[in-house]
Amino acid sequence: MPAHLRTALTQVSLSVPLVDGALALGTWQGIYLFEHRARPHHRQIALHLIGERR
């Protein structure tokens, strides 16, 4: 499958709220990384936190 079709079918970014320092996910929710490549390689994930301290 061409890369531009894969990008259209799968998300490339995610926003998840934090509540008291923990991910605010529902009971049956989770975060998964789906990889389209068959060969092993290194993956870098960037995390950006935006918010305020209480």
PDB file of N, CA and C in Angstrom:
ATOM      1  N   MET A   1       0.855  -1.175   0.000  1.00  0.00           N
ATOM      2  CA  MET A   1       0.000   0.000   0.000  1.00  0.00           C
ATOM      3  C   MET A   1       0.899   1.234   0.000  1.00  0.00           C
ATOM      4  N   PRO A   2       0.650   2.198  -0.872  1.00  0.00           N
ATOM      5  CA  PRO A   2       1.459   3.423  -0.917  1.00  0.00           C
ATOM      6  C   PRO A   2       1.374   4.224   0.389  1.00  0.00           C
ATOM      7  N   ALA A   3       2.458   4.923   0.700  1.00  0.00           N
ATOM      8  CA  ALA A   3       2.553   5.665   1.962  1.00  0.00           C
ATOM      9  C   ALA A   3       1.461   6.712   2.114  1.00  0.00           C
ATOM     10  N   HIS A   4       1.081   7.388   1.034  1.00  0.00           N
ATOM     11  CA  HIS A   4       0.068   8.436   1.175  1.00  0.00           C
ATOM     12  C   HIS A   4      -1.299   7.837   1.516  1.00  0.00           C
ATOM     13  N   LEU A   5      -1.577   6.616   1.095  1.00  0.00           N
ATOM     14  CA  LEU A   5      -2.832   5.960   1.481  1.00  0.00           C
ATOM     15  C   LEU A   5      -2.796   5.517   2.941  1.00  0.00           C
ATOM     16  N   ARG A   6      -1.656   5.006   3.379  1.00  0.00           N
ATOM     17  CA  ARG A   6      -1.524   4.602   4.784  1.00  0.00           C
ATOM     18  C   ARG A   6      -1.735   5.786   5.716  1.00  0.00           C
ATOM     19  N   THR A   7      -1.150   6.921   5.371  1.00  0.00           N
ATOM     20  CA  THR A   7      -1.299   8.121   6.199  1.00  0.00           C
ATOM     21  C   THR A   7      -2.751   8.574   6.240  1.00  0.00           C
ATOM     22  N   ALA A   8      -3.462   8.431   5.147  1.00  0.00           N
ATOM     23  CA  ALA A   8      -4.870   8.824   5.114  1.00  0.00           C
ATOM     24  C   ALA A   8      -5.736   7.897   5.971  1.00  0.00           C
ATOM     25  N   LEU A   9      -5.357   6.633   6.088  1.00  0.00           N
ATOM     26  CA  LEU A   9      -6.148   5.658   6.830  1.00  0.00           C
ATOM     27  C   LEU A   9      -5.787   5.580   8.305  1.00  0.00           C
ATOM     28  N   THR A  10      -4.585   5.957   8.661  1.00  0.00           N
ATOM     29  CA  THR A  10      -4.151   5.910  10.057  1.00  0.00           C
ATOM     30  C   THR A  10      -3.717   7.305  10.504  1.00  0.00           C
ATOM     31  N   GLN A  11      -3.909   7.607  11.771  1.00  0.00           N
ATOM     32  CA  GLN A  11      -3.537   8.914  12.297  1.00  0.00           C
ATOM     33  C   GLN A  11      -2.034   8.995  12.514  1.00  0.00           C
ATOM     34  N   VAL A  12      -1.492  10.201  12.407  1.00  0.00           N
ATOM     35  CA  VAL A  12      -0.068  10.411  12.641  1.00  0.00           C
ATOM     36  C   VAL A  12       0.189  11.235  13.901  1.00  0.00           C
ATOM     37  N   SER A  13      -0.878  11.665  14.578  1.00  0.00           N
ATOM     38  CA  SER A  13      -0.729  12.389  15.836  1.00  0.00           C
ATOM     39  C   SER A  13      -1.909  12.044  16.743  1.00  0.00           C
ATOM     40  N   LEU A  14      -1.747  12.338  18.026  1.00  0.00           N
ATOM     41  CA  LEU A  14      -2.761  11.966  19.002  1.00  0.00           C
ATOM     42  C   LEU A  14      -2.747  12.980  20.143  1.00  0.00           C
ATOM     43  N   SER A  15      -3.913  13.356  20.606  1.00  0.00           N
ATOM     44  CA  SER A  15      -4.037  14.223  21.780  1.00  0.00           C
ATOM     45  C   SER A  15      -4.792  13.458  22.864  1.00  0.00           C
ATOM     46  N   VAL A  16      -4.174  13.346  24.029  1.00  0.00           N
ATOM     47  CA  VAL A  16      -4.788  12.643  25.155  1.00  0.00           C
ATOM     48  C   VAL A  16      -4.675  13.535  26.379  1.00  0.00           C
ATOM     49  N   PRO A  17      -5.771  13.814  27.048  1.00  0.00           N
ATOM     50  CA  PRO A  17      -5.698  14.650  28.250  1.00  0.00           C
ATOM     51  C   PRO A  17      -5.064  13.900  29.428  1.00  0.00           C
ATOM     52  N   LEU A  18      -4.411  14.665  30.293  1.00  0.00           N
ATOM     53  CA  LEU A  18      -3.856  14.138  31.532  1.00  0.00           C
ATOM     54  C   LEU A  18      -4.666  14.683  32.699  1.00  0.00           C
ATOM     55  N   VAL A  19      -4.981  13.829  33.656  1.00  0.00           N
ATOM     56  CA  VAL A  19      -5.682  14.245  34.872  1.00  0.00           C
ATOM     57  C   VAL A  19      -4.845  13.769  36.055  1.00  0.00           C
ATOM     58  N   ASP A  20      -4.359  14.694  36.844  1.00  0.00           N
ATOM     59  CA  ASP A  20      -3.497  14.393  37.990  1.00  0.00           C
ATOM     60  C   ASP A  20      -2.300  13.534  37.595  1.00  0.00           C
ATOM     61  N   GLY A  21      -1.698  13.828  36.423  1.00  0.00           N
ATOM     62  CA  GLY A  21      -0.500  13.140  35.975  1.00  0.00           C
ATOM     63  C   GLY A  21      -0.722  11.792  35.321  1.00  0.00           C
ATOM     64  N   ALA A  22      -1.973  11.379  35.121  1.00  0.00           N
ATOM     65  CA  ALA A  22      -2.269  10.089  34.486  1.00  0.00           C
ATOM     66  C   ALA A  22      -3.061  10.314  33.196  1.00  0.00           C
ATOM     67  N   LEU A  23      -2.885   9.412  32.236  1.00  0.00           N
ATOM     68  CA  LEU A  23      -3.650   9.510  31.005  1.00  0.00           C
ATOM     69  C   LEU A  23      -5.144   9.349  31.298  1.00  0.00           C
ATOM     70  N   ALA A  24      -5.943  10.213  30.726  1.00  0.00           N
ATOM     71  CA  ALA A  24      -7.393  10.167  30.943  1.00  0.00           C
ATOM     72  C   ALA A  24      -8.032   9.323  29.842  1.00  0.00           C
ATOM     73  N   LEU A  25      -7.854   8.009  29.950  1.00  0.00           N
ATOM     74  CA  LEU A  25      -8.429   7.075  28.994  1.00  0.00           C
ATOM     75  C   LEU A  25      -9.595   6.341  29.637  1.00  0.00           C
ATOM     76  N   GLY A  26     -10.527   5.914  28.806  1.00  0.00           N
ATOM     77  CA  GLY A  26     -11.662   5.142  29.305  1.00  0.00           C
ATOM     78  C   GLY A  26     -11.239   3.728  29.675  1.00  0.00           C
ATOM     79  N   THR A  27     -12.159   2.974  30.225  1.00  0.00           N
ATOM     80  CA  THR A  27     -11.889   1.623  30.708  1.00  0.00           C
ATOM     81  C   THR A  27     -11.286   0.726  29.635  1.00  0.00           C
ATOM     82  N   TRP A  28     -11.817   0.764  28.431  1.00  0.00           N
ATOM     83  CA  TRP A  28     -11.386  -0.132  27.367  1.00  0.00           C
ATOM     84  C   TRP A  28     -10.510   0.571  26.329  1.00  0.00           C
ATOM     85  N   GLN A  29     -10.024   1.769  26.624  1.00  0.00           N
ATOM     86  CA  GLN A  29      -9.192   2.507  25.674  1.00  0.00           C
ATOM     87  C   GLN A  29      -7.715   2.250  25.921  1.00  0.00           C
ATOM     88  N   GLY A  30      -6.929   2.346  24.861  1.00  0.00           N
ATOM     89  CA  GLY A  30      -5.487   2.187  24.944  1.00  0.00           C
ATOM     90  C   GLY A  30      -4.832   2.945  23.796  1.00  0.00           C
ATOM     91  N   ILE A  31      -3.526   3.066  23.834  1.00  0.00           N
ATOM     92  CA  ILE A  31      -2.767   3.724  22.769  1.00  0.00           C
ATOM     93  C   ILE A  31      -1.851   2.671  22.164  1.00  0.00           C
ATOM     94  N   TYR A  32      -1.927   2.512  20.851  1.00  0.00           N
ATOM     95  CA  TYR A  32      -1.144   1.510  20.142  1.00  0.00           C
ATOM     96  C   TYR A  32      -0.381   2.154  18.997  1.00  0.00           C
ATOM     97  N   LEU A  33       0.825   1.687  18.756  1.00  0.00           N
ATOM     98  CA  LEU A  33       1.625   2.130  17.619  1.00  0.00           C
ATOM     99  C   LEU A  33       1.558   1.043  16.559  1.00  0.00           C
ATOM    100  N   PHE A  34       1.006   1.378  15.407  1.00  0.00           N
ATOM    101  CA  PHE A  34       0.893   0.431  14.294  1.00  0.00           C
ATOM    102  C   PHE A  34       1.986   0.736  13.298  1.00  0.00           C
ATOM    103  N   GLU A  35       2.801  -0.248  13.003  1.00  0.00           N
ATOM    104  CA  GLU A  35       3.930  -0.043  12.102  1.00  0.00           C
ATOM    105  C   GLU A  35       3.648  -0.715  10.764  1.00  0.00           C
ATOM    106  N   HIS A  36       3.893   0.006   9.676  1.00  0.00           N
ATOM    107  CA  HIS A  36       3.629  -0.505   8.337  1.00  0.00           C
ATOM    108  C   HIS A  36       4.829  -1.213   7.727  1.00  0.00           C
ATOM    109  N   ARG A  37       5.977  -1.145   8.363  1.00  0.00           N
ATOM    110  CA  ARG A  37       7.195  -1.720   7.791  1.00  0.00           C
ATOM    111  C   ARG A  37       7.352  -3.169   8.232  1.00  0.00           C
ATOM    112  N   ALA A  38       7.908  -3.977   7.359  1.00  0.00           N
ATOM    113  CA  ALA A  38       8.127  -5.386   7.678  1.00  0.00           C
ATOM    114  C   ALA A  38       9.502  -5.614   8.310  1.00  0.00           C
ATOM    115  N   ARG A  39      10.502  -4.779   7.976  1.00  0.00           N
ATOM    116  CA  ARG A  39      11.860  -4.951   8.493  1.00  0.00           C
ATOM    117  C   ARG A  39      12.048  -4.194   9.805  1.00  0.00           C
ATOM    118  N   PRO A  40      12.904  -4.689  10.701  1.00  0.00           N
ATOM    119  CA  PRO A  40      13.186  -3.970  11.952  1.00  0.00           C
ATOM    120  C   PRO A  40      13.870  -2.627  11.685  1.00  0.00           C
ATOM    121  N   HIS A  41      13.575  -1.638  12.499  1.00  0.00           N
ATOM    122  CA  HIS A  41      14.205  -0.324  12.385  1.00  0.00           C
ATOM    123  C   HIS A  41      14.003   0.415  13.703  1.00  0.00           C
ATOM    124  N   HIS A  42      14.637   1.568  13.843  1.00  0.00           N
ATOM    125  CA  HIS A  42      14.493   2.385  15.047  1.00  0.00           C
ATOM    126  C   HIS A  42      13.363   3.378  14.843  1.00  0.00           C
ATOM    127  N   ARG A  43      12.575   3.602  15.884  1.00  0.00           N
ATOM    128  CA  ARG A  43      11.444   4.533  15.835  1.00  0.00           C
ATOM    129  C   ARG A  43      11.650   5.576  16.918  1.00  0.00           C
ATOM    130  N   GLN A  44      11.434   6.835  16.578  1.00  0.00           N
ATOM    131  CA  GLN A  44      11.479   7.913  17.558  1.00  0.00           C
ATOM    132  C   GLN A  44      10.078   8.474  17.712  1.00  0.00           C
ATOM    133  N   ILE A  45       9.666   8.682  18.950  1.00  0.00           N
ATOM    134  CA  ILE A  45       8.355   9.238  19.237  1.00  0.00           C
ATOM    135  C   ILE A  45       8.563  10.562  19.961  1.00  0.00           C
ATOM    136  N   ALA A  46       7.911  11.607  19.493  1.00  0.00           N
ATOM    137  CA  ALA A  46       8.010  12.935  20.113  1.00  0.00           C
ATOM    138  C   ALA A  46       6.789  13.153  21.002  1.00  0.00           C
ATOM    139  N   LEU A  47       7.025  13.654  22.198  1.00  0.00           N
ATOM    140  CA  LEU A  47       5.963  13.926  23.160  1.00  0.00           C
ATOM    141  C   LEU A  47       5.967  15.418  23.479  1.00  0.00           C
ATOM    142  N   HIS A  48       4.844  16.063  23.323  1.00  0.00           N
ATOM    143  CA  HIS A  48       4.708  17.489  23.641  1.00  0.00           C
ATOM    144  C   HIS A  48       3.622  17.614  24.712  1.00  0.00           C
ATOM    145  N   LEU A  49       3.993  18.199  25.837  1.00  0.00           N
ATOM    146  CA  LEU A  49       3.032  18.428  26.918  1.00  0.00           C
ATOM    147  C   LEU A  49       2.665  19.900  26.936  1.00  0.00           C
ATOM    148  N   ILE A  50       1.388  20.163  26.906  1.00  0.00           N
ATOM    149  CA  ILE A  50       0.892  21.542  26.953  1.00  0.00           C
ATOM    150  C   ILE A  50      -0.104  21.626  28.095  1.00  0.00           C
ATOM    151  N   GLY A  51       0.076  22.595  28.956  1.00  0.00           N
ATOM    152  CA  GLY A  51      -0.873  22.710  30.062  1.00  0.00           C
ATOM    153  C   GLY A  51      -0.369  23.667  31.120  1.00  0.00           C
ATOM    154  N   GLU A  52      -0.944  23.500  32.287  1.00  0.00           N
ATOM    155  CA  GLU A  52      -0.579  24.359  33.410  1.00  0.00           C
ATOM    156  C   GLU A  52      -0.465  23.515  34.670  1.00  0.00           C
ATOM    157  N   ARG A  53       0.355  23.968  35.590  1.00  0.00           N
ATOM    158  CA  ARG A  53       0.511  23.282  36.869  1.00  0.00           C
ATOM    159  C   ARG A  53      -0.525  23.819  37.857  1.00  0.00           C
ATOM    160  N   ARG A  54      -0.934  22.944  38.722  1.00  0.00           N
ATOM    161  CA  ARG A  54      -1.852  23.370  39.788  1.00  0.00           C
ATOM    162  C   ARG A  54      -1.142  23.389  41.107  1.00  0.00           C
TER     163      ARG A  54
END
